[in-house]
Amino acid sequence: MPITVDIDVMLAKRKMSVGELADRVGITPANLAVLKNGRAKAVRFATLAALCEALDCQPGDLLRFEAKDTTTGTSAIGNGG
């Protein structure tokens, strides 16, 4: 999927654990892990807003689009994934 989730980056910047963020947002650590690890197919705007509030950031700090290279089929940004 061309959307990359950078929750782990923001967690490190804020020196916050997954469990603490899950508590602040009101979701289970397991559901947060699914989102954090890029396995989620969707995210509710309410959840995204709660994440941004808890991490004091903007949606663009958490989500990033990585275009695919049409000639090779790999990501044009990052490590090919």
Protein backbone atom coordinates (compact mmCIF):
# COMPACT_ATOMS: atom_id res chain seq x y z
CA MET A 1 0.00 0.00 0.00
CA PRO A 2 1.40 3.40 -0.88
CA ILE A 3 0.42 4.96 2.48
CA THR A 4 3.08 4.70 5.18
CA VAL A 5 2.20 5.20 8.84
CA ASP A 6 4.83 6.96 10.97
CA ILE A 7 3.26 6.59 14.41
CA ASP A 8 6.45 4.97 15.70
CA VAL A 9 8.43 8.08 14.72
CA MET A 10 6.07 10.34 16.67
CA LEU A 11 6.06 7.95 19.64
CA ALA A 12 9.85 8.15 19.78
CA LYS A 13 9.82 11.95 19.49
CA ARG A 14 7.27 12.20 22.31
CA LYS A 15 8.98 9.45 24.39
CA MET A 16 5.63 7.70 24.70
CA SER A 17 4.81 3.98 24.75
CA VAL A 18 2.24 2.27 22.56
CA GLY A 19 0.22 1.43 25.67
CA GLU A 20 0.19 5.02 26.86
CA LEU A 21 -0.88 6.30 23.43
CA ALA A 22 -3.61 3.65 23.19
CA ASP A 23 -4.96 4.74 26.59
CA ARG A 24 -4.93 8.41 25.59
CA VAL A 25 -6.65 7.71 22.26
CA GLY A 26 -9.14 5.19 23.64
CA ILE A 27 -8.25 2.20 21.45
CA THR A 28 -6.71 -1.13 22.32
CA PRO A 29 -2.93 -1.56 22.06
CA ALA A 30 -3.60 -4.36 19.54
CA ASN A 31 -5.60 -2.04 17.26
CA LEU A 32 -2.94 0.65 17.58
CA ALA A 33 -0.28 -1.93 16.65
CA VAL A 34 -2.26 -2.85 13.50
CA LEU A 35 -2.29 0.81 12.49
CA LYS A 36 1.32 1.42 13.53
CA ASN A 37 2.62 -1.57 11.58
CA GLY A 38 0.81 -0.59 8.37
CA ARG A 39 -1.63 -3.50 8.40
CA ALA A 40 -4.77 -1.32 8.72
CA LYS A 41 -6.93 -0.89 5.63
CA ALA A 42 -8.61 2.27 6.98
CA VAL A 43 -8.55 4.72 9.86
CA ARG A 44 -11.50 6.73 11.15
CA PHE A 45 -11.08 10.49 11.14
CA ALA A 46 -12.07 10.49 14.83
CA THR A 47 -9.19 8.11 15.58
CA LEU A 48 -6.78 10.15 13.47
CA ALA A 49 -7.87 13.32 15.27
CA ALA A 50 -7.40 11.65 18.67
CA LEU A 51 -3.92 10.45 17.64
CA CYS A 52 -3.00 13.97 16.52
CA GLU A 53 -4.28 15.46 19.77
CA ALA A 54 -2.45 12.91 21.94
CA LEU A 55 0.80 13.30 19.99
CA ASP A 56 0.45 17.07 19.45
CA CYS A 57 0.97 16.72 15.70
CA GLN A 58 -0.73 17.04 12.32
CA PRO A 59 -2.14 14.14 10.22
CA GLY A 60 0.76 14.59 7.79
CA ASP A 61 3.17 13.81 10.61
CA LEU A 62 1.56 10.36 10.92
CA LEU A 63 0.64 9.46 7.33
CA ARG A 64 2.78 9.68 4.22
CA PHE A 65 2.14 8.76 0.57
CA GLU A 66 4.88 6.85 -1.25
CA ALA A 67 4.37 6.72 -5.01
CA LYS A 68 5.23 3.51 -6.81
CA ASP A 69 7.86 3.60 -9.53
CA THR A 70 5.90 2.52 -12.60
CA THR A 71 9.00 1.20 -14.39
CA THR A 72 10.13 -1.19 -11.68
CA GLY A 73 6.99 -1.66 -9.58
CA THR A 74 8.84 -0.61 -6.44
CA SER A 75 8.49 2.39 -4.25
CA ALA A 76 10.12 5.52 -5.60
CA ILE A 77 10.80 6.62 -2.02
CA GLY A 78 12.34 4.60 0.78
CA ASN A 79 13.42 1.00 0.64
CA GLY A 80 11.16 -0.40 -2.06
CA GLY A 81 8.25 -1.18 0.21
